C-alpha atoms as a PDB file:
ATOM      1  CA  MET A   1       0.000   0.000   0.000  1.00  0.00           C
ATOM      2  CA  ARG A   2       2.825   2.393   0.823  1.00  0.00           C
ATOM      3  CA  ASN A   3       4.502   1.727  -2.540  1.00  0.00           C
ATOM      4  CA  ILE A   4       1.303   2.595  -4.387  1.00  0.00           C
ATOM      5  CA  LEU A   5       0.948   5.836  -2.438  1.00  0.00           C
ATOM      6  CA  ILE A   6       4.528   6.860  -3.195  1.00  0.00           C
ATOM      7  CA  THR A   7       4.047   6.041  -6.882  1.00  0.00           C
ATOM      8  CA  VAL A   8       0.849   8.087  -7.099  1.00  0.00           C
ATOM      9  CA  MET A   9       2.447  11.024  -5.327  1.00  0.00           C
ATOM     10  CA  MET A  10       5.436  10.920  -7.684  1.00  0.00           C
ATOM     11  CA  LEU A  11       3.120  10.913 -10.703  1.00  0.00           C
ATOM     12  CA  ILE A  12       1.306  13.953  -9.325  1.00  0.00           C
ATOM     13  CA  VAL A  13       4.609  15.757  -8.800  1.00  0.00           C
ATOM     14  CA  VAL A  14       5.675  14.983 -12.379  1.00  0.00           C
ATOM     15  CA  ALA A  15       2.344  16.245 -13.748  1.00  0.00           C
ATOM     16  CA  VAL A  16       2.618  19.496 -11.777  1.00  0.00           C
ATOM     17  CA  MET A  17       6.213  20.008 -12.870  1.00  0.00           C
ATOM     18  CA  PHE A  18       5.242  19.444 -16.503  1.00  0.00           C
ATOM     19  CA  ASN A  19       2.491  22.033 -16.262  1.00  0.00           C
ATOM     20  CA  THR A  20       4.699  24.640 -14.599  1.00  0.00           C
ATOM     21  CA  ILE A  21       7.859  24.124 -16.676  1.00  0.00           C
ATOM     22  CA  ILE A  22       6.788  22.953 -20.127  1.00  0.00           C
ATOM     23  CA  ALA A  23       3.201  23.965 -20.737  1.00  0.00           C
ATOM     24  CA  GLN A  24       3.060  27.392 -19.096  1.00  0.00           C
ATOM     25  CA  ASP A  25       1.461  29.907 -21.468  1.00  0.00           C
ATOM     26  CA  ASN A  26       3.977  32.741 -21.718  1.00  0.00           C
ATOM     27  CA  THR A  27       7.225  31.611 -20.122  1.00  0.00           C
ATOM     28  CA  GLY A  28       7.193  27.845 -20.530  1.00  0.00           C
ATOM     29  CA  THR A  29       9.540  25.859 -22.715  1.00  0.00           C
ATOM     30  CA  LYS A  30       6.847  25.365 -25.351  1.00  0.00           C
ATOM     31  CA  ALA A  31       6.291  29.128 -25.657  1.00  0.00           C
ATOM     32  CA  ARG A  32      10.019  29.781 -25.907  1.00  0.00           C
ATOM     33  CA  ILE A  33      10.417  27.195 -28.675  1.00  0.00           C
ATOM     34  CA  GLU A  34       7.479  28.705 -30.568  1.00  0.00           C
ATOM     35  CA  ASN A  35       8.952  32.212 -30.231  1.00  0.00           C
ATOM     36  CA  GLN A  36      12.345  31.082 -31.493  1.00  0.00           C
ATOM     37  CA  GLY A  37      10.694  29.271 -34.408  1.00  0.00           C
ATOM     38  CA  THR A  38       8.733  32.375 -35.339  1.00  0.00           C
ATOM     39  CA  THR A  39      11.899  34.469 -35.193  1.00  0.00           C
ATOM     40  CA  ALA A  40      13.766  31.963 -37.365  1.00  0.00           C
ATOM     41  CA  ASN A  41      10.927  31.872 -39.925  1.00  0.00           C
ATOM     42  CA  THR A  42      10.827  35.669 -40.081  1.00  0.00           C
ATOM     43  CA  THR A  43      14.596  35.882 -40.498  1.00  0.00           C
ATOM     44  CA  ILE A  44      14.588  33.285 -43.273  1.00  0.00           C
ATOM     45  CA  GLY A  45      11.659  34.995 -44.965  1.00  0.00           C
ATOM     46  CA  ASN A  46      13.509  38.331 -44.962  1.00  0.00           C
ATOM     47  CA  LEU A  47      16.617  36.973 -46.686  1.00  0.00           C
ATOM     48  CA  GLN A  48      17.297  38.527 -50.068  1.00  0.00           C
ATOM     49  CA  PRO A  49      18.466  36.256 -52.915  1.00  0.00           C
END
């Protein structure tokens, strides 16, 4: 029973960490990757042949 409780608590901690680090709207890793991708696309689009 104790092992199950520890496992469930660890899963909850991982889910909370994912939401606060990766999936946060403005400052999360996902938002940073999207911003860098947009910047790269704009830079590439502005290149002159």
